[in-house]
Amino acid sequence: MVKLGIKFPALVDEISNPTEVTYTGWPDRLYVIDREGRIAYKSDAGPYGFKPLRVAETLQRLLPQHQAADAR
C-alpha cells in the first residue's frame, strides 16, 4: 500500500480467504462499507465492472457533510 501510494483503508485477505468467501472478492471488486459496517456499494467483477462514478455517488450520499466542508 505504501509503495502504491494508497491512502485509504485497504484489506489484504488471509491465506484461507475468509474475505473472498464472505464478500465474493474474486475477481477484483470495489466495495464501499458504511459506518455501521454494512455494504453500501459492491461493484461488478473488475476491471470492466468497476464504475468509479457509482463509488463517488455512494460516498457523497454517505458523507454529505464532507461535501459542504470541501466547497468552502
PDB file of N, CA and C in Angstrom:
ATOM      1  N   MET A   1       0.822  -1.183   0.000  1.00  0.00           N
ATOM      2  CA  MET A   1       0.000   0.000   0.000  1.00  0.00           C
ATOM      3  C   MET A   1       0.864   1.244   0.000  1.00  0.00           C
ATOM      4  N   VAL A   2       1.938   1.224   0.757  1.00  0.00           N
ATOM      5  CA  VAL A   2       2.822   2.385   0.814  1.00  0.00           C
ATOM      6  C   VAL A   2       3.462   2.627  -0.546  1.00  0.00           C
ATOM      7  N   LYS A   3       3.965   1.577  -1.173  1.00  0.00           N
ATOM      8  CA  LYS A   3       4.625   1.724  -2.474  1.00  0.00           C
ATOM      9  C   LYS A   3       3.665   2.210  -3.553  1.00  0.00           C
ATOM     10  N   LEU A   4       2.403   1.817  -3.457  1.00  0.00           N
ATOM     11  CA  LEU A   4       1.416   2.222  -4.454  1.00  0.00           C
ATOM     12  C   LEU A   4       0.783   3.568  -4.140  1.00  0.00           C
ATOM     13  N   GLY A   5       1.064   4.112  -2.952  1.00  0.00           N
ATOM     14  CA  GLY A   5       0.511   5.402  -2.580  1.00  0.00           C
ATOM     15  C   GLY A   5      -0.971   5.348  -2.217  1.00  0.00           C
ATOM     16  N   ILE A   6      -1.451   4.182  -1.807  1.00  0.00           N
ATOM     17  CA  ILE A   6      -2.861   4.044  -1.421  1.00  0.00           C
ATOM     18  C   ILE A   6      -3.061   4.730  -0.083  1.00  0.00           C
ATOM     19  N   LYS A   7      -3.986   5.678  -0.032  1.00  0.00           N
ATOM     20  CA  LYS A   7      -4.182   6.481   1.166  1.00  0.00           C
ATOM     21  C   LYS A   7      -5.503   6.184   1.861  1.00  0.00           C
ATOM     22  N   PHE A   8      -6.200   5.150   1.459  1.00  0.00           N
ATOM     23  CA  PHE A   8      -7.454   4.787   2.118  1.00  0.00           C
ATOM     24  C   PHE A   8      -7.311   3.378   2.671  1.00  0.00           C
ATOM     25  N   PRO A   9      -8.148   3.026   3.648  1.00  0.00           N
ATOM     26  CA  PRO A   9      -8.044   1.689   4.234  1.00  0.00           C
ATOM     27  C   PRO A   9      -8.240   0.612   3.176  1.00  0.00           C
ATOM     28  N   ALA A  10      -7.388  -0.370   3.187  1.00  0.00           N
ATOM     29  CA  ALA A  10      -7.486  -1.488   2.254  1.00  0.00           C
ATOM     30  C   ALA A  10      -7.295  -2.777   3.033  1.00  0.00           C
ATOM     31  N   LEU A  11      -7.771  -3.858   2.484  1.00  0.00           N
ATOM     32  CA  LEU A  11      -7.694  -5.142   3.141  1.00  0.00           C
ATOM     33  C   LEU A  11      -6.908  -6.113   2.291  1.00  0.00           C
ATOM     34  N   VAL A  12      -6.015  -6.843   2.927  1.00  0.00           N
ATOM     35  CA  VAL A  12      -5.327  -7.942   2.274  1.00  0.00           C
ATOM     36  C   VAL A  12      -5.840  -9.197   2.964  1.00  0.00           C
ATOM     37  N   ASP A  13      -6.454 -10.080   2.194  1.00  0.00           N
ATOM     38  CA  ASP A  13      -7.081 -11.270   2.756  1.00  0.00           C
ATOM     39  C   ASP A  13      -6.045 -12.233   3.330  1.00  0.00           C
ATOM     40  N   GLU A  14      -6.484 -13.050   4.268  1.00  0.00           N
ATOM     41  CA  GLU A  14      -5.637 -14.099   4.818  1.00  0.00           C
ATOM     42  C   GLU A  14      -5.521 -15.238   3.812  1.00  0.00           C
ATOM     43  N   ILE A  15      -4.593 -16.146   4.041  1.00  0.00           N
ATOM     44  CA  ILE A  15      -4.355 -17.247   3.116  1.00  0.00           C
ATOM     45  C   ILE A  15      -5.581 -18.146   2.967  1.00  0.00           C
ATOM     46  N   SER A  16      -6.431 -18.227   3.999  1.00  0.00           N
ATOM     47  CA  SER A  16      -7.635 -19.060   3.922  1.00  0.00           C
ATOM     48  C   SER A  16      -8.804 -18.347   3.228  1.00  0.00           C
ATOM     49  N   ASN A  17      -8.620 -17.108   2.815  1.00  0.00           N
ATOM     50  CA  ASN A  17      -9.578 -16.336   2.021  1.00  0.00           C
ATOM     51  C   ASN A  17     -10.938 -16.072   2.671  1.00  0.00           C
ATOM     52  N   PRO A  18     -11.014 -15.752   3.960  1.00  0.00           N
ATOM     53  CA  PRO A  18     -12.338 -15.509   4.553  1.00  0.00           C
ATOM     54  C   PRO A  18     -13.056 -14.300   3.946  1.00  0.00           C
ATOM     55  N   THR A  19     -12.321 -13.284   3.550  1.00  0.00           N
ATOM     56  CA  THR A  19     -12.960 -12.109   2.950  1.00  0.00           C
ATOM     57  C   THR A  19     -13.512 -12.443   1.571  1.00  0.00           C
ATOM     58  N   GLU A  20     -12.757 -13.176   0.785  1.00  0.00           N
ATOM     59  CA  GLU A  20     -13.229 -13.573  -0.547  1.00  0.00           C
ATOM     60  C   GLU A  20     -14.492 -14.409  -0.424  1.00  0.00           C
ATOM     61  N   VAL A  21     -14.517 -15.322   0.530  1.00  0.00           N
ATOM     62  CA  VAL A  21     -15.687 -16.179   0.718  1.00  0.00           C
ATOM     63  C   VAL A  21     -16.895 -15.346   1.145  1.00  0.00           C
ATOM     64  N   THR A  22     -16.696 -14.419   2.071  1.00  0.00           N
ATOM     65  CA  THR A  22     -17.792 -13.604   2.594  1.00  0.00           C
ATOM     66  C   THR A  22     -18.302 -12.587   1.579  1.00  0.00           C
ATOM     67  N   TYR A  23     -17.397 -11.910   0.865  1.00  0.00           N
ATOM     68  CA  TYR A  23     -17.778 -10.786   0.017  1.00  0.00           C
ATOM     69  C   TYR A  23     -17.677 -11.049  -1.476  1.00  0.00           C
ATOM     70  N   THR A  24     -17.374 -12.258  -1.888  1.00  0.00           N
ATOM     71  CA  THR A  24     -17.202 -12.565  -3.307  1.00  0.00           C
ATOM     72  C   THR A  24     -16.159 -11.630  -3.909  1.00  0.00           C
ATOM     73  N   GLY A  25     -15.003 -11.579  -3.295  1.00  0.00           N
ATOM     74  CA  GLY A  25     -13.977 -10.619  -3.683  1.00  0.00           C
ATOM     75  C   GLY A  25     -13.138 -10.994  -4.897  1.00  0.00           C
ATOM     76  N   TRP A  26     -13.337 -12.170  -5.464  1.00  0.00           N
ATOM     77  CA  TRP A  26     -12.545 -12.581  -6.615  1.00  0.00           C
ATOM     78  C   TRP A  26     -13.462 -12.790  -7.794  1.00  0.00           C
ATOM     79  N   PRO A  27     -13.196 -12.309  -8.982  1.00  0.00           N
ATOM     80  CA  PRO A  27     -12.074 -11.410  -9.248  1.00  0.00           C
ATOM     81  C   PRO A  27     -12.290 -10.071  -8.554  1.00  0.00           C
ATOM     82  N   ASP A  28     -11.379  -9.155  -8.782  1.00  0.00           N
ATOM     83  CA  ASP A  28     -11.399  -7.861  -8.086  1.00  0.00           C
ATOM     84  C   ASP A  28     -12.783  -7.239  -8.086  1.00  0.00           C
ATOM     85  N   ARG A  29     -13.106  -6.599  -6.968  1.00  0.00           N
ATOM     86  CA  ARG A  29     -14.344  -5.838  -6.833  1.00  0.00           C
ATOM     87  C   ARG A  29     -14.052  -4.597  -6.001  1.00  0.00           C
ATOM     88  N   LEU A  30     -14.880  -3.594  -6.166  1.00  0.00           N
ATOM     89  CA  LEU A  30     -14.802  -2.393  -5.335  1.00  0.00           C
ATOM     90  C   LEU A  30     -15.968  -2.418  -4.361  1.00  0.00           C
ATOM     91  N   TYR A  31     -15.691  -2.101  -3.116  1.00  0.00           N
ATOM     92  CA  TYR A  31     -16.719  -2.032  -2.085  1.00  0.00           C
ATOM     93  C   TYR A  31     -16.632  -0.694  -1.384  1.00  0.00           C
ATOM     94  N   VAL A  32     -17.788  -0.203  -0.945  1.00  0.00           N
ATOM     95  CA  VAL A  32     -17.854   0.906   0.000  1.00  0.00           C
ATOM     96  C   VAL A  32     -18.607   0.344   1.195  1.00  0.00           C
ATOM     97  N   ILE A  33     -17.997   0.422   2.362  1.00  0.00           N
ATOM     98  CA  ILE A  33     -18.591  -0.057   3.596  1.00  0.00           C
ATOM     99  C   ILE A  33     -19.002   1.162   4.419  1.00  0.00           C
ATOM    100  N   ASP A  34     -20.250   1.190   4.881  1.00  0.00           N
ATOM    101  CA  ASP A  34     -20.711   2.354   5.636  1.00  0.00           C
ATOM    102  C   ASP A  34     -20.213   2.303   7.080  1.00  0.00           C
ATOM    103  N   ARG A  35     -20.532   3.322   7.848  1.00  0.00           N
ATOM    104  CA  ARG A  35     -20.032   3.438   9.221  1.00  0.00           C
ATOM    105  C   ARG A  35     -20.548   2.341  10.142  1.00  0.00           C
ATOM    106  N   GLU A  36     -21.642   1.712   9.775  1.00  0.00           N
ATOM    107  CA  GLU A  36     -22.193   0.616  10.576  1.00  0.00           C
ATOM    108  C   GLU A  36     -21.634  -0.735  10.136  1.00  0.00           C
ATOM    109  N   GLY A  37     -20.719  -0.719   9.150  1.00  0.00           N
ATOM    110  CA  GLY A  37     -20.105  -1.951   8.676  1.00  0.00           C
ATOM    111  C   GLY A  37     -20.916  -2.679   7.621  1.00  0.00           C
ATOM    112  N   ARG A  38     -21.935  -2.032   7.076  1.00  0.00           N
ATOM    113  CA  ARG A  38     -22.760  -2.638   6.024  1.00  0.00           C
ATOM    114  C   ARG A  38     -22.218  -2.266   4.651  1.00  0.00           C
ATOM    115  N   ILE A  39     -22.460  -3.146   3.694  1.00  0.00           N
ATOM    116  CA  ILE A  39     -22.039  -2.884   2.317  1.00  0.00           C
ATOM    117  C   ILE A  39     -22.978  -1.844   1.712  1.00  0.00           C
ATOM    118  N   ALA A  40     -22.435  -0.678   1.382  1.00  0.00           N
ATOM    119  CA  ALA A  40     -23.216   0.385   0.763  1.00  0.00           C
ATOM    120  C   ALA A  40     -23.122   0.319  -0.761  1.00  0.00           C
ATOM    121  N   TYR A  41     -22.031  -0.247  -1.263  1.00  0.00           N
ATOM    122  CA  TYR A  41     -21.842  -0.386  -2.710  1.00  0.00           C
ATOM    123  C   TYR A  41     -20.944  -1.581  -2.970  1.00  0.00           C
ATOM    124  N   LYS A  42     -21.297  -2.383  -3.956  1.00  0.00           N
ATOM    125  CA  LYS A  42     -20.478  -3.508  -4.410  1.00  0.00           C
ATOM    126  C   LYS A  42     -20.450  -3.470  -5.925  1.00  0.00           C
ATOM    127  N   SER A  43     -19.259  -3.388  -6.497  1.00  0.00           N
ATOM    128  CA  SER A  43     -19.148  -3.329  -7.959  1.00  0.00           C
ATOM    129  C   SER A  43     -19.319  -4.714  -8.562  1.00  0.00           C
ATOM    130  N   ASP A  44     -19.488  -4.733  -9.857  1.00  0.00           N
ATOM    131  CA  ASP A  44     -19.399  -5.985 -10.597  1.00  0.00           C
ATOM    132  C   ASP A  44     -17.929  -6.363 -10.664  1.00  0.00           C
ATOM    133  N   ALA A  45     -17.647  -7.556 -11.166  1.00  0.00           N
ATOM    134  CA  ALA A  45     -16.265  -8.020 -11.267  1.00  0.00           C
ATOM    135  C   ALA A  45     -15.446  -7.062 -12.120  1.00  0.00           C
ATOM    136  N   GLY A  46     -14.237  -6.796 -11.672  1.00  0.00           N
ATOM    137  CA  GLY A  46     -13.366  -5.858 -12.362  1.00  0.00           C
ATOM    138  C   GLY A  46     -12.434  -6.542 -13.321  1.00  0.00           C
ATOM    139  N   PRO A  47     -11.747  -5.754 -14.086  1.00  0.00           N
ATOM    140  CA  PRO A  47     -11.771  -4.301 -14.038  1.00  0.00           C
ATOM    141  C   PRO A  47     -12.928  -3.691 -14.835  1.00  0.00           C
ATOM    142  N   TYR A  48     -13.564  -4.467 -15.692  1.00  0.00           N
ATOM    143  CA  TYR A  48     -14.605  -3.900 -16.546  1.00  0.00           C
ATOM    144  C   TYR A  48     -15.882  -3.561 -15.777  1.00  0.00           C
ATOM    145  N   GLY A  49     -16.082  -4.190 -14.633  1.00  0.00           N
ATOM    146  CA  GLY A  49     -17.264  -3.920 -13.825  1.00  0.00           C
ATOM    147  C   GLY A  49     -17.104  -2.743 -12.883  1.00  0.00           C
ATOM    148  N   PHE A  50     -15.906  -2.159 -12.845  1.00  0.00           N
ATOM    149  CA  PHE A  50     -15.676  -1.024 -11.962  1.00  0.00           C
ATOM    150  C   PHE A  50     -16.381   0.213 -12.524  1.00  0.00           C
ATOM    151  N   LYS A  51     -17.143   0.871 -11.679  1.00  0.00           N
ATOM    152  CA  LYS A  51     -17.856   2.096 -12.056  1.00  0.00           C
ATOM    153  C   LYS A  51     -17.491   3.174 -11.038  1.00  0.00           C
ATOM    154  N   PRO A  52     -16.362   3.851 -11.244  1.00  0.00           N
ATOM    155  CA  PRO A  52     -15.898   4.844 -10.272  1.00  0.00           C
ATOM    156  C   PRO A  52     -16.928   5.919  -9.941  1.00  0.00           C
ATOM    157  N   LEU A  53     -17.761   6.296 -10.906  1.00  0.00           N
ATOM    158  CA  LEU A  53     -18.781   7.310 -10.621  1.00  0.00           C
ATOM    159  C   LEU A  53     -19.802   6.810  -9.607  1.00  0.00           C
ATOM    160  N   ARG A  54     -20.114   5.527  -9.646  1.00  0.00           N
ATOM    161  CA  ARG A  54     -21.045   4.968  -8.658  1.00  0.00           C
ATOM    162  C   ARG A  54     -20.413   4.933  -7.271  1.00  0.00           C
ATOM    163  N   VAL A  55     -19.116   4.671  -7.216  1.00  0.00           N
ATOM    164  CA  VAL A  55     -18.407   4.734  -5.926  1.00  0.00           C
ATOM    165  C   VAL A  55     -18.489   6.159  -5.392  1.00  0.00           C
ATOM    166  N   ALA A  56     -18.221   7.136  -6.245  1.00  0.00           N
ATOM    167  CA  ALA A  56     -18.258   8.541  -5.832  1.00  0.00           C
ATOM    168  C   ALA A  56     -19.662   8.937  -5.375  1.00  0.00           C
ATOM    169  N   GLU A  57     -20.687   8.514  -6.102  1.00  0.00           N
ATOM    170  CA  GLU A  57     -22.070   8.822  -5.718  1.00  0.00           C
ATOM    171  C   GLU A  57     -22.399   8.232  -4.349  1.00  0.00           C
ATOM    172  N   THR A  58     -21.956   7.003  -4.115  1.00  0.00           N
ATOM    173  CA  THR A  58     -22.203   6.352  -2.829  1.00  0.00           C
ATOM    174  C   THR A  58     -21.504   7.106  -1.712  1.00  0.00           C
ATOM    175  N   LEU A  59     -20.257   7.491  -1.937  1.00  0.00           N
ATOM    176  CA  LEU A  59     -19.517   8.235  -0.914  1.00  0.00           C
ATOM    177  C   LEU A  59     -20.168   9.590  -0.642  1.00  0.00           C
ATOM    178  N   GLN A  60     -20.636  10.257  -1.674  1.00  0.00           N
ATOM    179  CA  GLN A  60     -21.301  11.548  -1.479  1.00  0.00           C
ATOM    180  C   GLN A  60     -22.600  11.392  -0.698  1.00  0.00           C
ATOM    181  N   ARG A  61     -23.305  10.295  -0.954  1.00  0.00           N
ATOM    182  CA  ARG A  61     -24.554  10.039  -0.230  1.00  0.00           C
ATOM    183  C   ARG A  61     -24.256   9.754   1.244  1.00  0.00           C
ATOM    184  N   LEU A  62     -23.187   9.007   1.502  1.00  0.00           N
ATOM    185  CA  LEU A  62     -22.845   8.640   2.876  1.00  0.00           C
ATOM    186  C   LEU A  62     -22.172   9.769   3.643  1.00  0.00           C
ATOM    187  N   LEU A  63     -21.483  10.651   2.944  1.00  0.00           N
ATOM    188  CA  LEU A  63     -20.694  11.698   3.599  1.00  0.00           C
ATOM    189  C   LEU A  63     -21.076  13.091   3.117  1.00  0.00           C
ATOM    190  N   PRO A  64     -22.340  13.472   3.157  1.00  0.00           N
ATOM    191  CA  PRO A  64     -22.732  14.776   2.605  1.00  0.00           C
ATOM    192  C   PRO A  64     -22.106  15.951   3.334  1.00  0.00           C
ATOM    193  N   GLN A  65     -21.831  15.833   4.635  1.00  0.00           N
ATOM    194  CA  GLN A  65     -21.228  16.946   5.378  1.00  0.00           C
ATOM    195  C   GLN A  65     -19.815  17.249   4.873  1.00  0.00           C
ATOM    196  N   HIS A  66     -19.094  16.248   4.377  1.00  0.00           N
ATOM    197  CA  HIS A  66     -17.751  16.493   3.836  1.00  0.00           C
ATOM    198  C   HIS A  66     -17.821  17.271   2.533  1.00  0.00           C
ATOM    199  N   GLN A  67     -18.875  17.037   1.772  1.00  0.00           N
ATOM    200  CA  GLN A  67     -19.073  17.783   0.526  1.00  0.00           C
ATOM    201  C   GLN A  67     -19.199  19.267   0.821  1.00  0.00           C
ATOM    202  N   ALA A  68     -20.013  19.625   1.797  1.00  0.00           N
ATOM    203  CA  ALA A  68     -20.224  21.024   2.143  1.00  0.00           C
ATOM    204  C   ALA A  68     -18.937  21.655   2.668  1.00  0.00           C
ATOM    205  N   ALA A  69     -18.195  20.926   3.473  1.00  0.00           N
ATOM    206  CA  ALA A  69     -16.953  21.454   4.023  1.00  0.00           C
ATOM    207  C   ALA A  69     -15.909  21.663   2.934  1.00  0.00           C
ATOM    208  N   ASP A  70     -15.860  20.741   1.947  1.00  0.00           N
ATOM    209  CA  ASP A  70     -14.894  20.866   0.861  1.00  0.00           C
ATOM    210  C   ASP A  70     -15.214  22.033  -0.061  1.00  0.00           C
ATOM    211  N   ALA A  71     -16.475  22.416  -0.151  1.00  0.00           N
ATOM    212  CA  ALA A  71     -16.891  23.500  -1.054  1.00  0.00           C
ATOM    213  C   ALA A  71     -16.500  24.872  -0.515  1.00  0.00           C
ATOM    214  N   ARG A  72     -16.192  24.940   0.779  1.00  0.00           N
ATOM    215  CA  ARG A  72     -15.852  26.242   1.374  1.00  0.00           C
ATOM    216  C   ARG A  72     -14.472  26.710   1.018  1.00  0.00           C
TER     217      ARG A  72
END
